[in-house]
Amino acid sequence: MTVSAFINYRTRAGDTFDELALQVYNNEKMAHHIIEQNPDYADVIIFEESVTLKIPIFDETEAPETLAPWRRGS
């Protein structure tokens, strides 16, 4: 995956990295991508309101054939 852009996201009270990853990428396991771009907040478990985070947006790439069909969007 290649980062194509970034968006600035202002947190709401109670946001978490995995919740944001689920919203943005439809996969909470991709939270590490958001954490990597925001190292100053890596130790935050639950965000307060109005923290600005940099969220990477990835180019759409073809899913590998080893990925389960329901994960490929097929």
PDB file of N, CA and C in Angstrom:
ATOM      1  N   MET A   1       0.836  -1.176   0.000  1.00  0.00           N
ATOM      2  CA  MET A   1       0.000   0.000   0.000  1.00  0.00           C
ATOM      3  C   MET A   1       0.882   1.240   0.000  1.00  0.00           C
ATOM      4  N   THR A   2       0.449   2.210  -0.757  1.00  0.00           N
ATOM      5  CA  THR A   2       1.167   3.460  -0.853  1.00  0.00           C
ATOM      6  C   THR A   2       0.284   4.586  -0.353  1.00  0.00           C
ATOM      7  N   VAL A   3       0.848   5.457   0.477  1.00  0.00           N
ATOM      8  CA  VAL A   3       0.088   6.602   0.979  1.00  0.00           C
ATOM      9  C   VAL A   3      -0.075   7.595  -0.157  1.00  0.00           C
ATOM     10  N   SER A   4      -1.304   7.973  -0.461  1.00  0.00           N
ATOM     11  CA  SER A   4      -1.570   8.922  -1.539  1.00  0.00           C
ATOM     12  C   SER A   4      -1.876  10.311  -1.012  1.00  0.00           C
ATOM     13  N   ALA A   5      -2.313  10.395   0.238  1.00  0.00           N
ATOM     14  CA  ALA A   5      -2.682  11.686   0.820  1.00  0.00           C
ATOM     15  C   ALA A   5      -2.863  11.524   2.321  1.00  0.00           C
ATOM     16  N   PHE A   6      -3.088  12.630   2.965  1.00  0.00           N
ATOM     17  CA  PHE A   6      -3.393  12.629   4.391  1.00  0.00           C
ATOM     18  C   PHE A   6      -4.612  13.510   4.623  1.00  0.00           C
ATOM     19  N   ILE A   7      -5.366  13.162   5.641  1.00  0.00           N
ATOM     20  CA  ILE A   7      -6.439  14.051   6.077  1.00  0.00           C
ATOM     21  C   ILE A   7      -6.171  14.402   7.527  1.00  0.00           C
ATOM     22  N   ASN A   8      -6.578  15.579   7.912  1.00  0.00           N
ATOM     23  CA  ASN A   8      -6.504  15.980   9.316  1.00  0.00           C
ATOM     24  C   ASN A   8      -7.850  15.681   9.934  1.00  0.00           C
ATOM     25  N   TYR A   9      -7.815  14.972  11.022  1.00  0.00           N
ATOM     26  CA  TYR A   9      -9.041  14.588  11.711  1.00  0.00           C
ATOM     27  C   TYR A   9      -9.003  15.167  13.108  1.00  0.00           C
ATOM     28  N   ARG A  10     -10.063  15.828  13.500  1.00  0.00           N
ATOM     29  CA  ARG A  10     -10.184  16.367  14.854  1.00  0.00           C
ATOM     30  C   ARG A  10     -11.018  15.386  15.671  1.00  0.00           C
ATOM     31  N   THR A  11     -10.406  14.875  16.724  1.00  0.00           N
ATOM     32  CA  THR A  11     -11.058  13.823  17.514  1.00  0.00           C
ATOM     33  C   THR A  11     -12.282  14.325  18.259  1.00  0.00           C
ATOM     34  N   ARG A  12     -13.122  13.372  18.558  1.00  0.00           N
ATOM     35  CA  ARG A  12     -14.250  13.580  19.462  1.00  0.00           C
ATOM     36  C   ARG A  12     -13.900  12.862  20.751  1.00  0.00           C
ATOM     37  N   ALA A  13     -14.413  13.310  21.847  1.00  0.00           N
ATOM     38  CA  ALA A  13     -14.153  12.656  23.127  1.00  0.00           C
ATOM     39  C   ALA A  13     -14.546  11.188  23.028  1.00  0.00           C
ATOM     40  N   GLY A  14     -13.614  10.316  23.390  1.00  0.00           N
ATOM     41  CA  GLY A  14     -13.886   8.884  23.370  1.00  0.00           C
ATOM     42  C   GLY A  14     -13.350   8.158  22.158  1.00  0.00           C
ATOM     43  N   ASP A  15     -12.855   8.882  21.146  1.00  0.00           N
ATOM     44  CA  ASP A  15     -12.268   8.224  19.975  1.00  0.00           C
ATOM     45  C   ASP A  15     -11.066   7.385  20.384  1.00  0.00           C
ATOM     46  N   THR A  16     -10.839   6.301  19.649  1.00  0.00           N
ATOM     47  CA  THR A  16      -9.654   5.455  19.840  1.00  0.00           C
ATOM     48  C   THR A  16      -9.045   5.192  18.464  1.00  0.00           C
ATOM     49  N   PHE A  17      -7.768   4.801  18.446  1.00  0.00           N
ATOM     50  CA  PHE A  17      -7.113   4.516  17.174  1.00  0.00           C
ATOM     51  C   PHE A  17      -7.811   3.405  16.404  1.00  0.00           C
ATOM     52  N   ASP A  18      -8.187   2.329  17.090  1.00  0.00           N
ATOM     53  CA  ASP A  18      -8.820   1.225  16.373  1.00  0.00           C
ATOM     54  C   ASP A  18     -10.200   1.599  15.846  1.00  0.00           C
ATOM     55  N   GLU A  19     -10.920   2.432  16.580  1.00  0.00           N
ATOM     56  CA  GLU A  19     -12.222   2.902  16.118  1.00  0.00           C
ATOM     57  C   GLU A  19     -12.077   3.771  14.864  1.00  0.00           C
ATOM     58  N   LEU A  20     -11.057   4.629  14.868  1.00  0.00           N
ATOM     59  CA  LEU A  20     -10.812   5.472  13.692  1.00  0.00           C
ATOM     60  C   LEU A  20     -10.417   4.625  12.487  1.00  0.00           C
ATOM     61  N   ALA A  21      -9.576   3.623  12.703  1.00  0.00           N
ATOM     62  CA  ALA A  21      -9.171   2.740  11.609  1.00  0.00           C
ATOM     63  C   ALA A  21     -10.379   1.997  11.039  1.00  0.00           C
ATOM     64  N   LEU A  22     -11.274   1.583  11.893  1.00  0.00           N
ATOM     65  CA  LEU A  22     -12.479   0.905  11.431  1.00  0.00           C
ATOM     66  C   LEU A  22     -13.322   1.844  10.571  1.00  0.00           C
ATOM     67  N   GLN A  23     -13.454   3.103  10.989  1.00  0.00           N
ATOM     68  CA  GLN A  23     -14.229   4.087  10.236  1.00  0.00           C
ATOM     69  C   GLN A  23     -13.578   4.408   8.894  1.00  0.00           C
ATOM     70  N   VAL A  24     -12.264   4.628   8.905  1.00  0.00           N
ATOM     71  CA  VAL A  24     -11.560   5.078   7.702  1.00  0.00           C
ATOM     72  C   VAL A  24     -11.248   3.932   6.743  1.00  0.00           C
ATOM     73  N   TYR A  25     -10.750   2.817   7.274  1.00  0.00           N
ATOM     74  CA  TYR A  25     -10.267   1.716   6.440  1.00  0.00           C
ATOM     75  C   TYR A  25     -11.184   0.495   6.453  1.00  0.00           C
ATOM     76  N   ASN A  26     -12.209   0.525   7.282  1.00  0.00           N
ATOM     77  CA  ASN A  26     -13.089  -0.622   7.459  1.00  0.00           C
ATOM     78  C   ASN A  26     -12.322  -1.830   8.013  1.00  0.00           C
ATOM     79  N   ASN A  27     -11.262  -1.523   8.793  1.00  0.00           N
ATOM     80  CA  ASN A  27     -10.426  -2.574   9.366  1.00  0.00           C
ATOM     81  C   ASN A  27      -9.686  -2.009  10.579  1.00  0.00           C
ATOM     82  N   GLU A  28     -10.092  -2.394  11.757  1.00  0.00           N
ATOM     83  CA  GLU A  28      -9.473  -1.866  12.974  1.00  0.00           C
ATOM     84  C   GLU A  28      -8.015  -2.278  13.132  1.00  0.00           C
ATOM     85  N   LYS A  29      -7.608  -3.354  12.448  1.00  0.00           N
ATOM     86  CA  LYS A  29      -6.221  -3.809  12.538  1.00  0.00           C
ATOM     87  C   LYS A  29      -5.256  -2.879  11.816  1.00  0.00           C
ATOM     88  N   MET A  30      -5.760  -1.906  11.092  1.00  0.00           N
ATOM     89  CA  MET A  30      -4.911  -0.933  10.403  1.00  0.00           C
ATOM     90  C   MET A  30      -4.633   0.297  11.261  1.00  0.00           C
ATOM     91  N   ALA A  31      -5.006   0.234  12.528  1.00  0.00           N
ATOM     92  CA  ALA A  31      -4.786   1.358  13.443  1.00  0.00           C
ATOM     93  C   ALA A  31      -3.316   1.746  13.521  1.00  0.00           C
ATOM     94  N   HIS A  32      -2.415   0.782  13.346  1.00  0.00           N
ATOM     95  CA  HIS A  32      -0.987   1.086  13.439  1.00  0.00           C
ATOM     96  C   HIS A  32      -0.542   2.117  12.399  1.00  0.00           C
ATOM     97  N   HIS A  33      -1.228   2.205  11.269  1.00  0.00           N
ATOM     98  CA  HIS A  33      -0.889   3.214  10.263  1.00  0.00           C
ATOM     99  C   HIS A  33      -1.162   4.619  10.796  1.00  0.00           C
ATOM    100  N   ILE A  34      -2.246   4.772  11.514  1.00  0.00           N
ATOM    101  CA  ILE A  34      -2.584   6.076  12.100  1.00  0.00           C
ATOM    102  C   ILE A  34      -1.614   6.390  13.235  1.00  0.00           C
ATOM    103  N   ILE A  35      -1.308   5.401  14.053  1.00  0.00           N
ATOM    104  CA  ILE A  35      -0.368   5.598  15.163  1.00  0.00           C
ATOM    105  C   ILE A  35       1.003   6.007  14.635  1.00  0.00           C
ATOM    106  N   GLU A  36       1.471   5.368  13.570  1.00  0.00           N
ATOM    107  CA  GLU A  36       2.781   5.690  12.999  1.00  0.00           C
ATOM    108  C   GLU A  36       2.869   7.146  12.541  1.00  0.00           C
ATOM    109  N   GLN A  37       1.765   7.694  12.074  1.00  0.00           N
ATOM    110  CA  GLN A  37       1.758   9.082  11.608  1.00  0.00           C
ATOM    111  C   GLN A  37       1.565  10.084  12.749  1.00  0.00           C
ATOM    112  N   ASN A  38       1.262   9.588  13.929  1.00  0.00           N
ATOM    113  CA  ASN A  38       0.993  10.447  15.087  1.00  0.00           C
ATOM    114  C   ASN A  38       1.742   9.938  16.316  1.00  0.00           C
ATOM    115  N   PRO A  39       3.072   9.879  16.243  1.00  0.00           N
ATOM    116  CA  PRO A  39       3.848   9.275  17.336  1.00  0.00           C
ATOM    117  C   PRO A  39       3.700   9.991  18.679  1.00  0.00           C
ATOM    118  N   ASP A  40       3.377  11.272  18.665  1.00  0.00           N
ATOM    119  CA  ASP A  40       3.191  11.999  19.922  1.00  0.00           C
ATOM    120  C   ASP A  40       1.990  11.501  20.715  1.00  0.00           C
ATOM    121  N   TYR A  41       1.084  10.805  20.040  1.00  0.00           N
ATOM    122  CA  TYR A  41      -0.135  10.311  20.690  1.00  0.00           C
ATOM    123  C   TYR A  41      -0.171   8.785  20.789  1.00  0.00           C
ATOM    124  N   ALA A  42       0.945   8.138  20.500  1.00  0.00           N
ATOM    125  CA  ALA A  42       0.981   6.673  20.464  1.00  0.00           C
ATOM    126  C   ALA A  42       0.564   6.030  21.778  1.00  0.00           C
ATOM    127  N   ASP A  43       0.763   6.729  22.886  1.00  0.00           N
ATOM    128  CA  ASP A  43       0.409   6.158  24.191  1.00  0.00           C
ATOM    129  C   ASP A  43      -1.009   6.495  24.637  1.00  0.00           C
ATOM    130  N   VAL A  44      -1.757   7.197  23.796  1.00  0.00           N
ATOM    131  CA  VAL A  44      -3.138   7.567  24.143  1.00  0.00           C
ATOM    132  C   VAL A  44      -4.055   6.383  23.846  1.00  0.00           C
ATOM    133  N   ILE A  45      -4.850   6.032  24.821  1.00  0.00           N
ATOM    134  CA  ILE A  45      -5.812   4.945  24.643  1.00  0.00           C
ATOM    135  C   ILE A  45      -7.155   5.510  24.178  1.00  0.00           C
ATOM    136  N   ILE A  46      -7.652   6.516  24.886  1.00  0.00           N
ATOM    137  CA  ILE A  46      -8.924   7.160  24.555  1.00  0.00           C
ATOM    138  C   ILE A  46      -8.670   8.660  24.445  1.00  0.00           C
ATOM    139  N   PHE A  47      -9.045   9.231  23.296  1.00  0.00           N
ATOM    140  CA  PHE A  47      -8.783  10.639  23.042  1.00  0.00           C
ATOM    141  C   PHE A  47      -9.794  11.564  23.696  1.00  0.00           C
ATOM    142  N   GLU A  48      -9.288  12.734  24.025  1.00  0.00           N
ATOM    143  CA  GLU A  48     -10.154  13.833  24.425  1.00  0.00           C
ATOM    144  C   GLU A  48     -10.627  14.522  23.150  1.00  0.00           C
ATOM    145  N   GLU A  49     -11.526  15.459  23.308  1.00  0.00           N
ATOM    146  CA  GLU A  49     -12.044  16.205  22.168  1.00  0.00           C
ATOM    147  C   GLU A  49     -11.003  17.175  21.617  1.00  0.00           C
ATOM    148  N   SER A  50     -11.014  17.355  20.307  1.00  0.00           N
ATOM    149  CA  SER A  50     -10.244  18.377  19.582  1.00  0.00           C
ATOM    150  C   SER A  50      -8.749  18.128  19.462  1.00  0.00           C
ATOM    151  N   VAL A  51      -8.319  16.881  19.450  1.00  0.00           N
ATOM    152  CA  VAL A  51      -6.932  16.553  19.135  1.00  0.00           C
ATOM    153  C   VAL A  51      -6.881  16.350  17.620  1.00  0.00           C
ATOM    154  N   THR A  52      -5.949  17.007  16.943  1.00  0.00           N
ATOM    155  CA  THR A  52      -5.846  16.866  15.499  1.00  0.00           C
ATOM    156  C   THR A  52      -4.867  15.749  15.162  1.00  0.00           C
ATOM    157  N   LEU A  53      -5.364  14.759  14.423  1.00  0.00           N
ATOM    158  CA  LEU A  53      -4.556  13.620  13.999  1.00  0.00           C
ATOM    159  C   LEU A  53      -4.391  13.640  12.488  1.00  0.00           C
ATOM    160  N   LYS A  54      -3.261  13.168  12.033  1.00  0.00           N
ATOM    161  CA  LYS A  54      -2.962  13.035  10.612  1.00  0.00           C
ATOM    162  C   LYS A  54      -3.267  11.585  10.224  1.00  0.00           C
ATOM    163  N   ILE A  55      -4.231  11.397   9.327  1.00  0.00           N
ATOM    164  CA  ILE A  55      -4.653  10.049   8.936  1.00  0.00           C
ATOM    165  C   ILE A  55      -4.246   9.793   7.483  1.00  0.00           C
ATOM    166  N   PRO A  56      -3.425   8.767   7.264  1.00  0.00           N
ATOM    167  CA  PRO A  56      -2.990   8.466   5.892  1.00  0.00           C
ATOM    168  C   PRO A  56      -4.112   7.835   5.073  1.00  0.00           C
ATOM    169  N   ILE A  57      -4.161   8.238   3.813  1.00  0.00           N
ATOM    170  CA  ILE A  57      -5.091   7.654   2.854  1.00  0.00           C
ATOM    171  C   ILE A  57      -4.244   6.881   1.852  1.00  0.00           C
ATOM    172  N   PHE A  58      -4.607   5.658   1.599  1.00  0.00           N
ATOM    173  CA  PHE A  58      -3.824   4.778   0.747  1.00  0.00           C
ATOM    174  C   PHE A  58      -4.413   4.668  -0.647  1.00  0.00           C
ATOM    175  N   ASP A  59      -3.502   4.490  -1.640  1.00  0.00           N
ATOM    176  CA  ASP A  59      -3.936   4.190  -3.002  1.00  0.00           C
ATOM    177  C   ASP A  59      -4.647   2.859  -2.983  1.00  0.00           C
ATOM    178  N   GLU A  60      -5.637   2.728  -3.811  1.00  0.00           N
ATOM    179  CA  GLU A  60      -6.297   1.437  -3.953  1.00  0.00           C
ATOM    180  C   GLU A  60      -5.338   0.522  -4.696  1.00  0.00           C
ATOM    181  N   THR A  61      -5.075  -0.615  -4.120  1.00  0.00           N
ATOM    182  CA  THR A  61      -4.212  -1.587  -4.776  1.00  0.00           C
ATOM    183  C   THR A  61      -4.972  -2.882  -4.927  1.00  0.00           C
ATOM    184  N   GLU A  62      -4.551  -3.662  -5.881  1.00  0.00           N
ATOM    185  CA  GLU A  62      -5.194  -4.948  -6.098  1.00  0.00           C
ATOM    186  C   GLU A  62      -4.890  -5.868  -4.929  1.00  0.00           C
ATOM    187  N   ALA A  63      -5.902  -6.525  -4.449  1.00  0.00           N
ATOM    188  CA  ALA A  63      -5.749  -7.432  -3.326  1.00  0.00           C
ATOM    189  C   ALA A  63      -5.031  -8.699  -3.770  1.00  0.00           C
ATOM    190  N   PRO A  64      -4.149  -9.220  -2.958  1.00  0.00           N
ATOM    191  CA  PRO A  64      -3.466 -10.464  -3.318  1.00  0.00           C
ATOM    192  C   PRO A  64      -4.447 -11.626  -3.394  1.00  0.00           C
ATOM    193  N   GLU A  65      -4.125 -12.571  -4.255  1.00  0.00           N
ATOM    194  CA  GLU A  65      -4.991 -13.733  -4.444  1.00  0.00           C
ATOM    195  C   GLU A  65      -5.109 -14.578  -3.179  1.00  0.00           C
ATOM    196  N   THR A  66      -4.140 -14.474  -2.270  1.00  0.00           N
ATOM    197  CA  THR A  66      -4.195 -15.261  -1.045  1.00  0.00           C
ATOM    198  C   THR A  66      -5.181 -14.680  -0.037  1.00  0.00           C
ATOM    199  N   LEU A  67      -5.643 -13.466  -0.296  1.00  0.00           N
ATOM    200  CA  LEU A  67      -6.611 -12.841   0.591  1.00  0.00           C
ATOM    201  C   LEU A  67      -7.977 -13.484   0.377  1.00  0.00           C
ATOM    202  N   ALA A  68      -8.674 -13.751   1.454  1.00  0.00           N
ATOM    203  CA  ALA A  68      -9.990 -14.386   1.364  1.00  0.00           C
ATOM    204  C   ALA A  68     -10.923 -13.555   0.469  1.00  0.00           C
ATOM    205  N   PRO A  69     -11.786 -14.202  -0.320  1.00  0.00           N
ATOM    206  CA  PRO A  69     -12.652 -13.484  -1.252  1.00  0.00           C
ATOM    207  C   PRO A  69     -13.495 -12.386  -0.603  1.00  0.00           C
ATOM    208  N   TRP A  70     -14.000 -12.626   0.590  1.00  0.00           N
ATOM    209  CA  TRP A  70     -14.822 -11.611   1.257  1.00  0.00           C
ATOM    210  C   TRP A  70     -14.000 -10.412   1.682  1.00  0.00           C
ATOM    211  N   ARG A  71     -12.676 -10.563   1.825  1.00  0.00           N
ATOM    212  CA  ARG A  71     -11.792  -9.437   2.162  1.00  0.00           C
ATOM    213  C   ARG A  71     -11.361  -8.671   0.906  1.00  0.00           C
ATOM    214  N   ARG A  72     -11.418  -9.336  -0.279  1.00  0.00           N
ATOM    215  CA  ARG A  72     -11.037  -8.707  -1.541  1.00  0.00           C
ATOM    216  C   ARG A  72     -12.153  -7.872  -2.128  1.00  0.00           C
ATOM    217  N   GLY A  73     -13.344  -8.025  -1.617  1.00  0.00           N
ATOM    218  CA  GLY A  73     -14.477  -7.312  -2.174  1.00  0.00           C
ATOM    219  C   GLY A  73     -15.100  -8.049  -3.361  1.00  0.00           C
ATOM    220  N   SER A  74     -14.724  -9.319  -3.537  1.00  0.00           N
ATOM    221  CA  SER A  74     -15.249 -10.123  -4.652  1.00  0.00           C
ATOM    222  C   SER A  74     -16.580 -10.723  -4.291  1.00  0.00           C
TER     223      SER A  74
END
